[in-house]
Protein backbone atom coordinates (compact mmCIF):
# COMPACT_ATOMS: atom_id res chain seq x y z
CA UNK A 1 0.00 0.00 0.00
CA UNK A 2 1.48 3.37 -0.94
CA UNK A 3 2.28 5.91 1.79
CA UNK A 4 -0.64 8.24 0.97
CA UNK A 5 -3.24 5.44 1.23
CA UNK A 6 -1.73 3.49 4.14
CA UNK A 7 -3.76 5.39 6.77
CA UNK A 8 -7.10 5.20 4.99
CA UNK A 9 -8.20 2.09 6.90
CA UNK A 10 -7.37 3.70 10.24
CA UNK A 11 -9.44 6.73 9.27
CA UNK A 12 -12.33 4.44 8.28
CA UNK A 13 -12.31 2.56 11.59
CA UNK A 14 -12.20 5.83 13.50
CA UNK A 15 -15.27 6.89 11.50
CA UNK A 16 -17.07 3.61 12.32
CA UNK A 17 -16.37 4.03 16.02
CA UNK A 18 -17.10 7.75 16.40
CA UNK A 19 -19.57 8.84 13.74
CA UNK A 20 -21.46 5.60 13.15
CA UNK A 21 -20.90 4.32 16.70
CA UNK A 22 -20.94 0.69 15.61
CA UNK A 23 -20.46 -2.04 18.21
CA UNK A 24 -17.00 -3.47 18.84
CA UNK A 25 -18.22 -6.81 17.45
CA UNK A 26 -19.31 -5.19 14.15
CA UNK A 27 -16.05 -3.25 13.91
CA UNK A 28 -14.12 -6.52 14.32
CA UNK A 29 -16.14 -8.07 11.49
CA UNK A 30 -15.25 -5.11 9.23
CA UNK A 31 -11.60 -5.44 10.28
CA UNK A 32 -11.53 -9.18 9.52
CA UNK A 33 -13.13 -8.76 6.10
CA UNK A 34 -10.94 -5.85 5.04
CA UNK A 35 -7.81 -7.65 6.31
CA UNK A 36 -8.76 -10.60 4.07
CA UNK A 37 -9.18 -8.20 1.14
CA UNK A 38 -5.76 -6.63 1.84
CA UNK A 39 -4.14 -10.09 1.86
CA UNK A 40 -5.78 -10.86 -1.49
CA UNK A 41 -4.59 -7.54 -2.92
CA UNK A 42 -1.00 -8.23 -1.81
CA UNK A 43 -1.10 -11.67 -3.48
CA UNK A 44 -2.57 -10.11 -6.63
CA UNK A 45 0.03 -7.30 -6.69
CA UNK A 46 -2.61 -4.60 -6.27
CA UNK A 47 -0.74 -1.96 -4.28
CA UNK A 48 -3.34 0.80 -3.87
CA UNK A 49 -7.00 1.01 -2.80
CA UNK A 50 -7.59 3.32 -5.76
CA UNK A 51 -6.34 0.56 -8.09
CA UNK A 52 -8.95 -1.97 -6.91
CA UNK A 53 -11.59 -2.59 -9.57
CA UNK A 54 -14.80 -4.62 -9.85
CA UNK A 55 -13.03 -7.55 -11.55
CA UNK A 56 -10.60 -7.84 -8.65
CA UNK A 57 -13.44 -7.70 -6.10
CA UNK A 58 -15.24 -10.50 -8.00
CA UNK A 59 -12.02 -12.56 -7.94
CA UNK A 60 -11.75 -11.94 -4.19
CA UNK A 61 -15.36 -13.12 -3.66
CA UNK A 62 -14.72 -16.22 -5.80
CA UNK A 63 -11.58 -17.04 -3.82
CA UNK A 64 -13.44 -16.76 -0.51
CA UNK A 65 -16.11 -19.08 -1.93
CA UNK A 66 -13.46 -21.65 -2.95
CA UNK A 67 -12.06 -21.46 0.58
CA UNK A 68 -15.43 -22.63 1.86
CA UNK A 69 -16.96 -19.36 3.04
CA UNK A 70 -20.74 -19.21 2.93
CA UNK A 71 -22.66 -16.86 0.67
CA UNK A 72 -23.77 -14.91 3.75
CA UNK A 73 -20.16 -14.42 4.92
CA UNK A 74 -19.06 -13.25 1.47
CA UNK A 75 -22.06 -10.91 1.30
CA UNK A 76 -20.98 -9.42 4.63
CA UNK A 77 -17.42 -8.91 3.29
CA UNK A 78 -18.76 -7.20 0.16
CA UNK A 79 -20.88 -4.95 2.35
CA UNK A 80 -17.76 -3.98 4.33
CA UNK A 81 -15.90 -3.15 1.10
CA UNK A 82 -18.84 -1.07 -0.17
CA UNK A 83 -18.97 0.84 3.14
CA UNK A 84 -15.22 1.47 3.06
CA UNK A 85 -15.28 2.83 -0.48
CA UNK A 86 -18.41 4.88 0.24
CA UNK A 87 -16.42 6.52 3.05
CA UNK A 88 -13.43 7.10 0.75
CA UNK A 89 -15.71 8.61 -1.89
CA UNK A 90 -17.26 10.92 0.70
CA UNK A 91 -13.75 12.02 1.66
CA UNK A 92 -13.00 12.57 -2.06
CA UNK A 93 -10.15 10.06 -2.00
CA UNK A 94 -11.54 7.78 -4.72
CA UNK A 95 -14.04 8.27 -7.55
CA UNK A 96 -15.48 4.76 -7.78
CA UNK A 97 -16.86 1.97 -5.59
CA UNK A 98 -15.58 -1.35 -7.05
CA UNK A 99 -17.92 -3.53 -4.95
CA UNK A 100 -21.19 -1.88 -6.02
CA UNK A 101 -22.19 -4.36 -8.72
CA UNK A 102 -20.63 -7.51 -7.22
CA UNK A 103 -22.96 -10.19 -5.85
CA UNK A 104 -22.05 -13.00 -3.49
CA UNK A 105 -22.67 -16.58 -4.64
CA UNK A 106 -25.92 -17.88 -3.21
CA UNK A 107 -25.69 -20.43 -0.42
CA UNK A 108 -27.84 -23.52 -0.92
CA UNK A 109 -31.04 -23.00 1.03
CA UNK A 110 -31.23 -25.31 4.02
CA UNK A 111 -34.43 -27.27 4.37
CA UNK A 112 -36.05 -26.77 7.76
CA UNK A 113 -35.86 -29.59 10.28
CA UNK A 114 -39.22 -31.06 11.15
CA UNK A 115 -40.65 -33.61 13.55
CA UNK A 116 -42.94 -36.34 12.24
CA UNK A 117 -46.42 -36.78 13.70
CA UNK A 118 -45.33 -39.54 16.10
CA UNK A 119 -42.47 -37.38 17.40
CA UNK A 120 -44.89 -34.47 17.86
CA UNK A 121 -47.28 -36.71 19.78
CA UNK A 122 -44.43 -37.86 22.03
CA UNK A 123 -43.21 -34.31 22.63
CA UNK A 124 -46.65 -32.96 23.50
CA UNK A 125 -47.30 -35.68 26.07
CA UNK A 126 -45.96 -33.33 28.74
CA UNK A 127 -47.21 -34.47 32.16
CA UNK A 128 -48.95 -31.44 33.68
CA UNK A 129 -48.28 -31.36 37.42
CA UNK A 130 -47.79 -27.66 38.18
CA UNK A 131 -48.12 -24.16 36.65
CA UNK A 132 -44.78 -24.41 34.79
CA UNK A 133 -45.59 -27.68 33.03
CA UNK A 134 -49.12 -26.41 32.24
CA UNK A 135 -47.64 -23.25 30.71
CA UNK A 136 -44.99 -25.13 28.72
CA UNK A 137 -47.51 -27.61 27.31
CA UNK A 138 -49.87 -24.78 26.29
CA UNK A 139 -47.07 -22.85 24.58
CA UNK A 140 -45.92 -25.87 22.58
CA UNK A 141 -49.44 -26.97 21.67
CA UNK A 142 -50.23 -23.45 20.47
CA UNK A 143 -47.10 -23.11 18.29
CA UNK A 144 -47.83 -26.45 16.63
CA UNK A 145 -51.59 -25.85 16.43
CA UNK A 146 -51.37 -22.42 14.81
CA UNK A 147 -47.86 -22.27 13.29
CA UNK A 148 -46.73 -19.32 15.39
CA UNK A 149 -43.32 -17.67 15.33
CA UNK A 150 -41.86 -17.62 18.84
CA UNK A 151 -41.90 -13.79 18.77
CA UNK A 152 -45.65 -13.95 18.04
CA UNK A 153 -46.20 -16.40 20.88
CA UNK A 154 -44.51 -14.26 23.55
CA UNK A 155 -46.30 -11.09 22.38
CA UNK A 156 -49.77 -12.63 22.81
CA UNK A 157 -52.10 -10.98 25.32
CA UNK A 158 -55.08 -12.57 27.03
CA UNK A 159 -57.32 -10.33 24.92
CA UNK A 160 -55.94 -11.88 21.69
CA UNK A 161 -57.75 -15.17 22.40
CA UNK A 162 -61.34 -15.81 21.31
CA UNK A 163 -62.59 -19.01 22.92
CA UNK A 164 -66.01 -18.76 21.29
CA UNK A 165 -64.52 -18.86 17.78
CA UNK A 166 -61.49 -20.99 18.77
CA UNK A 167 -59.21 -18.38 17.23
CA UNK A 168 -56.51 -15.87 18.09
CA UNK A 169 -55.11 -12.70 16.57
CA UNK A 170 -51.32 -12.47 16.21
CA UNK A 171 -49.13 -9.58 15.15
CA UNK A 172 -46.35 -10.80 12.87
CA UNK A 173 -43.53 -9.28 10.85
CA UNK A 174 -44.09 -5.76 9.58
CA UNK A 175 -46.70 -5.25 12.32
CA UNK A 176 -49.23 -7.20 10.23
CA UNK A 177 -52.05 -8.91 12.11
CA UNK A 178 -53.70 -12.16 11.12
CA UNK A 179 -56.40 -14.35 12.63
CA UNK A 180 -55.58 -18.01 13.18
CA UNK A 181 -57.60 -21.06 14.24
CA UNK A 182 -56.73 -22.91 17.45
CA UNK A 183 -56.97 -26.71 17.48
CA UNK A 184 -58.90 -28.66 20.09
CA UNK A 185 -55.80 -30.02 21.88
CA UNK A 186 -54.32 -26.53 22.10
CA UNK A 187 -57.58 -25.14 23.48
CA UNK A 188 -57.58 -27.81 26.19
CA UNK A 189 -53.97 -27.01 27.08
CA UNK A 190 -54.71 -23.26 27.16
CA UNK A 191 -57.74 -23.81 29.38
CA UNK A 192 -55.61 -25.81 31.83
CA UNK A 193 -52.86 -23.17 31.81
CA UNK A 194 -55.33 -20.33 32.46
CA UNK A 195 -56.55 -22.15 35.57
CA UNK A 196 -52.95 -22.08 36.85
CA UNK A 197 -51.95 -18.65 35.49
CA UNK A 198 -53.26 -16.63 38.48
CA UNK A 199 -50.71 -18.41 40.67
CA UNK A 200 -47.89 -16.86 38.64
CA UNK A 201 -49.15 -13.54 37.25
CA UNK A 202 -50.48 -10.40 38.96
CA UNK A 203 -53.93 -9.29 37.84
CA UNK A 204 -52.38 -6.26 36.10
CA UNK A 205 -50.31 -8.45 33.70
CA UNK A 206 -51.85 -8.66 30.21
CA UNK A 207 -49.45 -11.27 28.74
CA UNK A 208 -50.90 -14.69 27.99
CA UNK A 209 -47.66 -16.48 28.94
CA UNK A 210 -45.61 -15.33 31.90
CA UNK A 211 -42.26 -16.21 33.48
CA UNK A 212 -41.55 -17.36 37.04
CA UNK A 213 -41.34 -13.67 37.98
CA UNK A 214 -44.89 -13.05 36.76
CA UNK A 215 -44.01 -10.83 33.79
CA UNK A 216 -44.19 -11.56 30.04
CA UNK A 217 -42.06 -14.59 29.16
CA UNK A 218 -39.02 -13.99 26.92
CA UNK A 219 -38.12 -15.69 23.65
CA UNK A 220 -35.00 -17.14 25.26
CA UNK A 221 -37.02 -18.69 28.09
CA UNK A 222 -39.38 -20.37 25.62
CA UNK A 223 -36.38 -21.78 23.73
CA UNK A 224 -34.83 -23.10 26.96
CA UNK A 225 -38.08 -24.72 28.13
CA UNK A 226 -38.59 -26.46 24.77
CA UNK A 227 -35.02 -27.71 24.77
CA UNK A 228 -35.57 -29.05 28.31
CA UNK A 229 -38.71 -30.98 27.34
CA UNK A 230 -37.13 -32.31 24.16
CA UNK A 231 -34.29 -33.85 26.18
CA UNK A 232 -36.52 -35.06 29.00
CA UNK A 233 -38.97 -36.76 26.63
CA UNK A 234 -36.22 -38.24 24.47
CA UNK A 235 -37.04 -36.48 21.20
CA UNK A 236 -34.42 -37.04 18.52
CA UNK A 237 -32.46 -33.88 17.70
CA UNK A 238 -32.83 -30.45 19.25
CA UNK A 239 -36.33 -29.15 19.96
CA UNK A 240 -36.80 -25.43 19.36
CA UNK A 241 -39.81 -23.21 18.53
CA UNK A 242 -39.12 -22.86 14.81
CA UNK A 243 -38.88 -26.63 14.47
CA UNK A 244 -42.47 -26.89 15.72
CA UNK A 245 -43.54 -24.15 13.29
CA UNK A 246 -41.80 -25.97 10.44
CA UNK A 247 -43.51 -29.21 11.45
CA UNK A 248 -46.91 -27.47 11.44
CA UNK A 249 -46.27 -26.10 7.93
CA UNK A 250 -45.00 -29.39 6.55
CA UNK A 251 -47.86 -31.44 8.01
CA UNK A 252 -50.48 -28.94 6.82
CA UNK A 253 -49.08 -28.91 3.29
CA UNK A 254 -48.73 -32.69 3.23
CA UNK A 255 -52.39 -33.13 4.21
CA UNK A 256 -53.99 -30.30 2.23
CA UNK A 257 -51.65 -29.55 -0.68
CA UNK A 258 -52.90 -25.94 -0.42
CA UNK A 259 -49.81 -23.75 -0.59
CA UNK A 260 -51.75 -20.47 -0.48
CA UNK A 261 -53.61 -21.47 2.68
CA UNK A 262 -50.37 -22.47 4.40
CA UNK A 263 -48.83 -19.15 3.31
CA UNK A 264 -51.72 -17.29 4.98
CA UNK A 265 -51.46 -19.33 8.16
CA UNK A 266 -47.71 -18.77 8.45
CA UNK A 267 -47.97 -15.06 7.68
CA UNK A 268 -45.49 -15.18 4.80
CA UNK A 269 -45.70 -12.06 2.63
CA UNK A 270 -44.06 -13.89 -0.30
CA UNK A 271 -45.21 -17.35 -1.38
CA UNK A 272 -41.63 -18.23 -2.37
CA UNK A 273 -40.85 -18.39 1.38
CA UNK A 274 -43.62 -20.96 1.81
CA UNK A 275 -42.48 -22.97 -1.21
CA UNK A 276 -39.52 -24.35 0.75
CA UNK A 277 -42.03 -26.76 2.32
CA UNK A 278 -42.86 -28.15 -1.12
CA UNK A 279 -39.14 -28.94 -1.50
CA UNK A 280 -39.24 -30.66 1.88
CA UNK A 281 -42.29 -32.63 0.81
CA UNK A 282 -40.59 -33.62 -2.45
CA UNK A 283 -37.47 -34.73 -0.58
CA UNK A 284 -39.68 -36.95 1.59
CA UNK A 285 -41.31 -38.40 -1.54
CA UNK A 286 -37.88 -39.10 -3.04
CA UNK A 287 -36.79 -40.90 0.15
CA UNK A 288 -39.94 -43.06 0.03
CA UNK A 289 -39.45 -43.70 -3.70
CA UNK A 290 -35.85 -44.79 -3.32
CA UNK A 291 -36.73 -47.16 -0.48
CA UNK A 292 -39.87 -48.59 -2.07
CA UNK A 293 -39.57 -48.58 -5.86
CA UNK A 294 -38.26 -51.89 -7.22
CA UNK A 295 -36.30 -50.17 -9.98
CA UNK A 296 -35.04 -47.14 -8.06
CA UNK A 297 -31.58 -48.65 -7.51
CA UNK A 298 -29.25 -50.22 -10.00
CA UNK A 299 -28.50 -53.82 -9.22
CA UNK A 300 -24.89 -54.71 -8.52
CA UNK A 301 -23.08 -56.24 -11.51
């Protein structure tokens, strides 16, 4: 790096810390990504920030991909480069931003983990002996019954339930509300929990689900309680709220085949988000096919 440009990174990190007031963790991520870029530039004999062009940035992204970095990690590095050059442009040190048109390679989309119906039945056989177990069973029954996000579950108030219609109103992403049905098993579990709830919550608390301290339960607490029951009841793999939501979606789609209805129930704004469950369903069909079809496998010579 030439003498004039050697301090540009220091100036940028001072800007991140003082003007943008980014966290230390975020600053370290920027540092790591820009250090990797500098190493690439040295290997490629690019000796000045002003000499970096879009082709070199694409080569850098490709190299990181070959080294096994995920698309998300490369996207983060490209974002750091864009921010750095935006700063340099603002300071009138460069006239171009070489990372503007460069895209990270897409990571293969992971299929969500689900539980089969027998595993769900085993998990939801929580023995109710006290307020905590009653609450935990009601929370898990409700997530699986109505396909809730954990953030939607913890934000529920008593007033969001309608026992007469067996429904509830949830507020999802983008502050959008939707009405959802509640299944019979979930209604029973909720009814049992509400009989216990007064032992844990003051009458002024509006939250449907409360912690040991009597205030609204946190997302982390729900995750910990589900992990506890998964281990105690011997469920294979980790049990977490989104796994129950995924299971709800997969089982609904498998039974109904109605992608639009499942989209509405899940509160997805874009049907492409819901379509991942069709891939899951197809993968299941392929597994069945390969095990069952007499001509699915080549015979050994």
